C-alpha atoms as a PDB file:
ATOM      1  CA  MET A   1      45.255  -2.096 -30.163  1.00  0.00           C
ATOM      2  CA  LYS A   2      47.748  -3.967 -32.291  1.00  0.00           C
ATOM      3  CA  ASN A   3      48.724  -7.510 -31.386  1.00  0.00           C
ATOM      4  CA  ARG A   4      51.868  -9.250 -32.564  1.00  0.00           C
ATOM      5  CA  PHE A   5      54.426 -11.762 -31.445  1.00  0.00           C
ATOM      6  CA  LEU A   6      57.571 -10.304 -29.926  1.00  0.00           C
ATOM      7  CA  PRO A   7      60.397 -11.446 -27.742  1.00  0.00           C
ATOM      8  CA  ILE A   8      60.540  -9.954 -24.302  1.00  0.00           C
ATOM      9  CA  LEU A   9      62.505 -10.556 -21.335  1.00  0.00           C
ATOM     10  CA  THR A  10      61.569 -11.215 -17.943  1.00  0.00           C
ATOM     11  CA  LEU A  11      62.326 -13.704 -15.666  1.00  0.00           C
ATOM     12  CA  ALA A  12      61.040 -14.773 -12.760  1.00  0.00           C
ATOM     13  CA  LEU A  13      62.199 -16.849 -10.348  1.00  0.00           C
ATOM     14  CA  VAL A  14      60.653 -18.205  -7.565  1.00  0.00           C
ATOM     15  CA  VAL A  15      60.867 -21.292  -5.693  1.00  0.00           C
ATOM     16  CA  THR A  16      57.987 -23.657  -5.700  1.00  0.00           C
ATOM     17  CA  PHE A  17      57.013 -27.247  -5.316  1.00  0.00           C
ATOM     18  CA  ALA A  18      56.226 -28.721  -8.697  1.00  0.00           C
ATOM     19  CA  SER A  19      55.397 -32.190  -9.889  1.00  0.00           C
ATOM     20  CA  CYS A  20      54.750 -33.592 -13.316  1.00  0.00           C
ATOM     21  CA  LYS A  21      51.003 -33.369 -12.811  1.00  0.00           C
ATOM     22  CA  ASP A  22      49.438 -30.780 -15.146  1.00  0.00           C
ATOM     23  CA  LYS A  23      52.868 -29.238 -15.624  1.00  0.00           C
ATOM     24  CA  ALA A  24      53.485 -26.705 -18.379  1.00  0.00           C
ATOM     25  CA  GLN A  25      56.149 -27.491 -20.950  1.00  0.00           C
ATOM     26  CA  GLU A  26      59.728 -27.036 -19.745  1.00  0.00           C
ATOM     27  CA  VAL A  27      61.684 -24.351 -21.582  1.00  0.00           C
ATOM     28  CA  GLU A  28      65.031 -25.064 -23.170  1.00  0.00           C
ATOM     29  CA  THR A  29      67.963 -24.439 -20.825  1.00  0.00           C
ATOM     30  CA  THR A  30      71.560 -24.090 -22.040  1.00  0.00           C
ATOM     31  CA  GLU A  31      74.805 -22.448 -20.971  1.00  0.00           C
ATOM     32  CA  ALA A  32      74.857 -18.646 -20.621  1.00  0.00           C
ATOM     33  CA  GLU A  33      75.426 -16.717 -23.854  1.00  0.00           C
ATOM     34  CA  VAL A  34      76.664 -13.282 -24.896  1.00  0.00           C
ATOM     35  CA  ALA A  35      74.099 -10.539 -24.229  1.00  0.00           C
ATOM     36  CA  ALA A  36      72.395  -8.791 -27.147  1.00  0.00           C
ATOM     37  CA  GLU A  37      73.688  -5.312 -28.072  1.00  0.00           C
ATOM     38  CA  VAL A  38      71.855  -2.015 -28.596  1.00  0.00           C
ATOM     39  CA  THR A  39      71.848  -0.260 -31.982  1.00  0.00           C
ATOM     40  CA  GLU A  40      71.456   3.445 -32.710  1.00  0.00           C
ATOM     41  CA  VAL A  41      68.013   2.979 -34.282  1.00  0.00           C
ATOM     42  CA  SER A  42      66.459   1.130 -31.361  1.00  0.00           C
ATOM     43  CA  THR A  43      63.697   2.482 -29.107  1.00  0.00           C
ATOM     44  CA  LYS A  44      64.054   2.300 -25.336  1.00  0.00           C
ATOM     45  CA  TYR A  45      61.291   1.092 -22.987  1.00  0.00           C
ATOM     46  CA  LEU A  46      61.188   1.224 -19.188  1.00  0.00           C
ATOM     47  CA  VAL A  47      59.274  -1.438 -17.246  1.00  0.00           C
ATOM     48  CA  ASP A  48      56.291  -0.256 -15.190  1.00  0.00           C
ATOM     49  CA  THR A  49      56.918  -2.334 -12.077  1.00  0.00           C
ATOM     50  CA  GLU A  50      53.471  -1.643 -10.585  1.00  0.00           C
ATOM     51  CA  ALA A  51      51.735  -2.956 -13.714  1.00  0.00           C
ATOM     52  CA  SER A  52      53.951  -6.025 -14.123  1.00  0.00           C
ATOM     53  CA  THR A  53      53.374  -9.393 -12.490  1.00  0.00           C
ATOM     54  CA  ILE A  54      55.197 -12.694 -12.161  1.00  0.00           C
ATOM     55  CA  LEU A  55      53.051 -15.638 -11.095  1.00  0.00           C
ATOM     56  CA  TRP A  56      54.357 -18.950  -9.827  1.00  0.00           C
ATOM     57  CA  LYS A  57      52.683 -22.260  -9.172  1.00  0.00           C
ATOM     58  CA  GLY A  58      54.026 -25.480  -7.797  1.00  0.00           C
ATOM     59  CA  PHE A  59      52.881 -28.966  -6.960  1.00  0.00           C
ATOM     60  CA  LYS A  60      53.719 -31.390  -4.182  1.00  0.00           C
ATOM     61  CA  PRO A  61      52.251 -34.832  -3.411  1.00  0.00           C
ATOM     62  CA  THR A  62      49.619 -33.348  -1.080  1.00  0.00           C
ATOM     63  CA  GLY A  63      48.583 -30.292  -3.108  1.00  0.00           C
ATOM     64  CA  THR A  64      49.751 -27.077  -4.733  1.00  0.00           C
ATOM     65  CA  HIS A  65      51.053 -23.624  -3.783  1.00  0.00           C
ATOM     66  CA  THR A  66      50.786 -20.396  -5.771  1.00  0.00           C
ATOM     67  CA  GLY A  67      52.238 -16.935  -5.402  1.00  0.00           C
ATOM     68  CA  THR A  68      53.703 -13.797  -6.924  1.00  0.00           C
ATOM     69  CA  ILE A  69      57.038 -12.040  -7.189  1.00  0.00           C
ATOM     70  CA  LYS A  70      57.814  -8.484  -8.284  1.00  0.00           C
ATOM     71  CA  VAL A  71      60.001  -7.041 -11.001  1.00  0.00           C
ATOM     72  CA  GLU A  72      62.363  -4.561  -9.334  1.00  0.00           C
ATOM     73  CA  SER A  73      63.404  -2.714 -12.492  1.00  0.00           C
ATOM     74  CA  GLY A  74      63.871  -3.302 -16.181  1.00  0.00           C
ATOM     75  CA  VAL A  75      64.723  -1.772 -19.529  1.00  0.00           C
ATOM     76  CA  PHE A  76      64.679  -3.142 -23.054  1.00  0.00           C
ATOM     77  CA  THR A  77      65.128  -1.827 -26.572  1.00  0.00           C
ATOM     78  CA  MET A  78      63.137  -2.569 -29.714  1.00  0.00           C
ATOM     79  CA  ASN A  79      64.156  -2.197 -33.337  1.00  0.00           C
ATOM     80  CA  GLY A  80      60.880  -2.055 -35.236  1.00  0.00           C
ATOM     81  CA  ASP A  81      58.890  -5.085 -34.127  1.00  0.00           C
ATOM     82  CA  ALA A  82      61.875  -6.927 -32.697  1.00  0.00           C
ATOM     83  CA  ILE A  83      63.369  -6.736 -29.253  1.00  0.00           C
ATOM     84  CA  GLU A  84      67.089  -6.105 -29.425  1.00  0.00           C
ATOM     85  CA  SER A  85      68.398  -6.054 -25.879  1.00  0.00           C
ATOM     86  CA  GLY A  86      67.350  -5.745 -22.294  1.00  0.00           C
ATOM     87  CA  SER A  87      68.038  -6.545 -18.672  1.00  0.00           C
ATOM     88  CA  PHE A  88      65.711  -7.010 -15.721  1.00  0.00           C
ATOM     89  CA  LEU A  89      66.050  -7.381 -11.974  1.00  0.00           C
ATOM     90  CA  ILE A  90      63.681  -9.540  -9.925  1.00  0.00           C
ATOM     91  CA  ASP A  91      63.104  -8.632  -6.267  1.00  0.00           C
ATOM     92  CA  MET A  92      63.517 -11.932  -4.428  1.00  0.00           C
ATOM     93  CA  ASN A  93      62.436 -10.380  -1.125  1.00  0.00           C
ATOM     94  CA  SER A  94      58.997  -9.748  -2.669  1.00  0.00           C
ATOM     95  CA  LEU A  95      58.269 -13.487  -2.999  1.00  0.00           C
ATOM     96  CA  TYR A  96      54.689 -13.895  -1.749  1.00  0.00           C
ATOM     97  CA  VAL A  97      52.376 -16.876  -1.174  1.00  0.00           C
ATOM     98  CA  THR A  98      48.770 -16.389  -2.394  1.00  0.00           C
ATOM     99  CA  ASP A  99      47.062 -19.715  -1.676  1.00  0.00           C
ATOM    100  CA  LEU A 100      47.311 -19.352   2.127  1.00  0.00           C
ATOM    101  CA  PRO A 101      45.761 -16.466   4.112  1.00  0.00           C
ATOM    102  CA  GLU A 102      48.235 -14.164   5.833  1.00  0.00           C
ATOM    103  CA  ASP A 103      46.762 -14.966   9.252  1.00  0.00           C
ATOM    104  CA  ASP A 104      47.504 -18.674   8.739  1.00  0.00           C
ATOM    105  CA  GLU A 105      50.793 -19.518  10.469  1.00  0.00           C
ATOM    106  CA  ASN A 106      51.693 -21.744   7.510  1.00  0.00           C
ATOM    107  CA  HIS A 107      51.739 -18.651   5.287  1.00  0.00           C
ATOM    108  CA  GLY A 108      54.669 -17.209   7.196  1.00  0.00           C
ATOM    109  CA  LYS A 109      56.392 -20.555   7.539  1.00  0.00           C
ATOM    110  CA  LEU A 110      56.243 -21.294   3.818  1.00  0.00           C
ATOM    111  CA  THR A 111      57.311 -17.785   2.826  1.00  0.00           C
ATOM    112  CA  GLY A 112      60.234 -17.889   5.247  1.00  0.00           C
ATOM    113  CA  HIS A 113      61.317 -21.317   4.030  1.00  0.00           C
ATOM    114  CA  LEU A 114      61.274 -20.261   0.382  1.00  0.00           C
ATOM    115  CA  LYS A 115      63.428 -17.230   1.240  1.00  0.00           C
ATOM    116  CA  SER A 116      65.850 -19.264   3.376  1.00  0.00           C
ATOM    117  CA  PRO A 117      69.186 -20.811   2.300  1.00  0.00           C
ATOM    118  CA  ASP A 118      67.271 -24.075   1.676  1.00  0.00           C
ATOM    119  CA  PHE A 119      65.808 -22.446  -1.422  1.00  0.00           C
ATOM    120  CA  PHE A 120      66.600 -18.966  -2.763  1.00  0.00           C
ATOM    121  CA  ASP A 121      68.646 -17.545   0.133  1.00  0.00           C
ATOM    122  CA  VAL A 122      67.349 -14.015  -0.444  1.00  0.00           C
ATOM    123  CA  GLU A 123      69.577 -12.516   2.241  1.00  0.00           C
ATOM    124  CA  ALA A 124      72.668 -13.517   0.279  1.00  0.00           C
ATOM    125  CA  PHE A 125      71.017 -13.147  -3.153  1.00  0.00           C
ATOM    126  CA  PRO A 126      68.338 -10.394  -2.877  1.00  0.00           C
ATOM    127  CA  ALA A 127      67.904 -10.084  -6.645  1.00  0.00           C
ATOM    128  CA  SER A 128      67.795 -12.367  -9.646  1.00  0.00           C
ATOM    129  CA  ALA A 129      68.546 -11.074 -13.130  1.00  0.00           C
ATOM    130  CA  PHE A 130      67.588 -11.751 -16.731  1.00  0.00           C
ATOM    131  CA  GLU A 131      69.595 -10.421 -19.691  1.00  0.00           C
ATOM    132  CA  VAL A 132      68.300 -10.720 -23.255  1.00  0.00           C
ATOM    133  CA  THR A 133      70.437 -12.659 -25.716  1.00  0.00           C
ATOM    134  CA  GLY A 134      68.041 -12.849 -28.682  1.00  0.00           C
ATOM    135  CA  PHE A 135      64.848 -14.322 -30.090  1.00  0.00           C
ATOM    136  CA  THR A 136      63.695 -16.692 -32.803  1.00  0.00           C
ATOM    137  CA  ASN A 137      60.447 -17.678 -34.492  1.00  0.00           C
ATOM    138  CA  GLU A 138      59.806 -21.344 -33.772  1.00  0.00           C
ATOM    139  CA  ASN A 139      56.699 -22.901 -35.304  1.00  0.00           C
ATOM    140  CA  GLY A 140      54.858 -19.584 -35.309  1.00  0.00           C
ATOM    141  CA  LYS A 141      55.869 -18.594 -31.778  1.00  0.00           C
ATOM    142  CA  MET A 142      58.373 -15.942 -30.822  1.00  0.00           C
ATOM    143  CA  MET A 143      60.878 -17.300 -28.326  1.00  0.00           C
ATOM    144  CA  LEU A 144      62.703 -14.870 -26.087  1.00  0.00           C
ATOM    145  CA  SER A 145      66.162 -16.082 -25.079  1.00  0.00           C
ATOM    146  CA  GLY A 146      68.136 -14.702 -22.171  1.00  0.00           C
ATOM    147  CA  ASN A 147      70.545 -15.455 -19.369  1.00  0.00           C
ATOM    148  CA  LEU A 148      68.728 -16.059 -16.087  1.00  0.00           C
ATOM    149  CA  LYS A 149      70.952 -15.595 -13.046  1.00  0.00           C
ATOM    150  CA  MET A 150      69.525 -17.053  -9.870  1.00  0.00           C
ATOM    151  CA  LYS A 151      71.576 -17.404  -6.704  1.00  0.00           C
ATOM    152  CA  ASP A 152      75.158 -18.022  -7.881  1.00  0.00           C
ATOM    153  CA  THR A 153      74.256 -19.752 -11.155  1.00  0.00           C
ATOM    154  CA  GLU A 154      73.492 -18.458 -14.651  1.00  0.00           C
ATOM    155  CA  ASN A 155      71.801 -20.360 -17.489  1.00  0.00           C
ATOM    156  CA  ASN A 156      70.226 -19.390 -20.794  1.00  0.00           C
ATOM    157  CA  ILE A 157      66.502 -20.089 -21.270  1.00  0.00           C
ATOM    158  CA  SER A 158      64.025 -19.571 -24.128  1.00  0.00           C
ATOM    159  CA  ILE A 159      60.478 -18.400 -23.281  1.00  0.00           C
ATOM    160  CA  PRO A 160      57.402 -18.284 -25.589  1.00  0.00           C
ATOM    161  CA  VAL A 161      55.896 -14.772 -25.522  1.00  0.00           C
ATOM    162  CA  THR A 162      53.276 -12.547 -27.149  1.00  0.00           C
ATOM    163  CA  VAL A 163      52.995  -8.763 -27.011  1.00  0.00           C
ATOM    164  CA  SER A 164      50.256  -6.120 -27.316  1.00  0.00           C
ATOM    165  CA  GLU A 165      51.066  -2.506 -28.172  1.00  0.00           C
ATOM    166  CA  ASN A 166      48.907   0.474 -27.183  1.00  0.00           C
ATOM    167  CA  ASN A 167      50.259   3.918 -28.105  1.00  0.00           C
ATOM    168  CA  ASP A 168      53.569   4.263 -26.229  1.00  0.00           C
ATOM    169  CA  SER A 169      53.187   1.208 -24.008  1.00  0.00           C
ATOM    170  CA  VAL A 170      53.817  -2.470 -24.600  1.00  0.00           C
ATOM    171  CA  THR A 171      52.427  -5.410 -22.653  1.00  0.00           C
ATOM    172  CA  ILE A 172      54.243  -8.698 -22.909  1.00  0.00           C
ATOM    173  CA  THR A 173      52.655 -11.922 -21.753  1.00  0.00           C
ATOM    174  CA  SER A 174      54.431 -15.243 -21.564  1.00  0.00           C
ATOM    175  CA  GLU A 175      52.794 -18.606 -21.819  1.00  0.00           C
ATOM    176  CA  THR A 176      52.975 -20.597 -18.605  1.00  0.00           C
ATOM    177  CA  PHE A 177      56.317 -22.374 -18.708  1.00  0.00           C
ATOM    178  CA  THR A 178      58.443 -24.622 -16.540  1.00  0.00           C
ATOM    179  CA  ILE A 179      62.069 -24.398 -15.427  1.00  0.00           C
ATOM    180  CA  ASP A 180      64.154 -26.937 -13.514  1.00  0.00           C
ATOM    181  CA  ARG A 181      65.301 -25.361 -10.233  1.00  0.00           C
ATOM    182  CA  SER A 182      68.140 -27.870  -9.784  1.00  0.00           C
ATOM    183  CA  LYS A 183      69.935 -26.241 -12.718  1.00  0.00           C
ATOM    184  CA  TRP A 184      70.230 -23.110 -10.521  1.00  0.00           C
ATOM    185  CA  ASN A 185      71.580 -24.995  -7.520  1.00  0.00           C
ATOM    186  CA  VAL A 186      68.300 -24.877  -5.551  1.00  0.00           C
ATOM    187  CA  LYS A 187      68.761 -28.165  -3.718  1.00  0.00           C
ATOM    188  CA  TYR A 188      66.176 -28.614  -0.961  1.00  0.00           C
ATOM    189  CA  GLY A 189      64.227 -31.864  -1.323  1.00  0.00           C
ATOM    190  CA  SER A 190      65.610 -32.479  -4.806  1.00  0.00           C
ATOM    191  CA  LYS A 191      66.242 -35.981  -6.089  1.00  0.00           C
ATOM    192  CA  SER A 192      68.899 -34.445  -8.328  1.00  0.00           C
ATOM    193  CA  PHE A 193      71.052 -33.990  -5.203  1.00  0.00           C
ATOM    194  CA  PHE A 194      69.748 -36.450  -2.586  1.00  0.00           C
ATOM    195  CA  ASP A 195      69.100 -40.215  -2.812  1.00  0.00           C
ATOM    196  CA  ASP A 196      67.391 -40.890   0.528  1.00  0.00           C
ATOM    197  CA  LEU A 197      64.268 -38.717   0.304  1.00  0.00           C
ATOM    198  CA  GLY A 198      61.715 -41.488  -0.160  1.00  0.00           C
ATOM    199  CA  ASP A 199      58.307 -39.851  -0.736  1.00  0.00           C
ATOM    200  CA  LYS A 200      59.453 -36.608   0.948  1.00  0.00           C
ATOM    201  CA  PHE A 201      60.959 -35.181  -2.215  1.00  0.00           C
ATOM    202  CA  ILE A 202      59.980 -31.910  -3.893  1.00  0.00           C
ATOM    203  CA  ASN A 203      59.944 -31.983  -7.686  1.00  0.00           C
ATOM    204  CA  ASP A 204      62.563 -29.851  -9.453  1.00  0.00           C
ATOM    205  CA  ASP A 205      60.037 -28.301 -11.850  1.00  0.00           C
ATOM    206  CA  MET A 206      58.704 -24.763 -11.285  1.00  0.00           C
ATOM    207  CA  GLU A 207      55.876 -23.137 -13.264  1.00  0.00           C
ATOM    208  CA  LEU A 208      56.040 -19.432 -14.099  1.00  0.00           C
ATOM    209  CA  GLN A 209      53.813 -17.006 -15.995  1.00  0.00           C
ATOM    210  CA  ILE A 210      54.899 -13.435 -16.684  1.00  0.00           C
ATOM    211  CA  THR A 211      53.054 -10.259 -17.657  1.00  0.00           C
ATOM    212  CA  ILE A 212      55.215  -7.169 -18.240  1.00  0.00           C
ATOM    213  CA  THR A 213      54.056  -3.666 -19.095  1.00  0.00           C
ATOM    214  CA  ALA A 214      56.652  -1.129 -20.256  1.00  0.00           C
ATOM    215  CA  ASN A 215      56.474   2.500 -21.418  1.00  0.00           C
ATOM    216  CA  LYS A 216      58.509   4.252 -24.089  1.00  0.00           C
ATOM    217  CA  ALA A 217      61.313   6.223 -22.440  1.00  0.00           C
END
């Protein structure tokens, strides 16, 4: 198996309660950019949704919550060892809590709250999207850049990734990284929007870790 750094897309989104404690480094967030284009010499890959996983973790004053969310579909192109373009859909309805047993009433309450208009409003916005805009080598790490659209807001983020290739499949694994949910208009319990929360606030930071497996088309 051949290992090498490579940019890959994927995004994940998920709502979570995060604090500064043990938080992964926040990725750079800027205004949305023009999507990368496909060339005639590129190779197309289709995401294996059953073999791909998005993990989320968050922190609140009294503890942490963890969970998963599924990739609905995805395609990207590679030119040699470099990713050229790609777009991915994230199934917001698949948001799942893993730190509470399903028979615990708090499992359903938390899941429902995260899917409600307070957070990701999955009825109105059933999918989030990530579109590749490019990648750069920064201090020995490949950084995947792309436009992440969540709810009604779109921003560009840069994610540190590695990739392993095995025959006609590629597995991309991101480092654990942090995004600021307030930049996507996710307001509940956020000090970025409310001044009277006292100690009832929920930190804006969200931790994500992504593993994507894709097969040559």
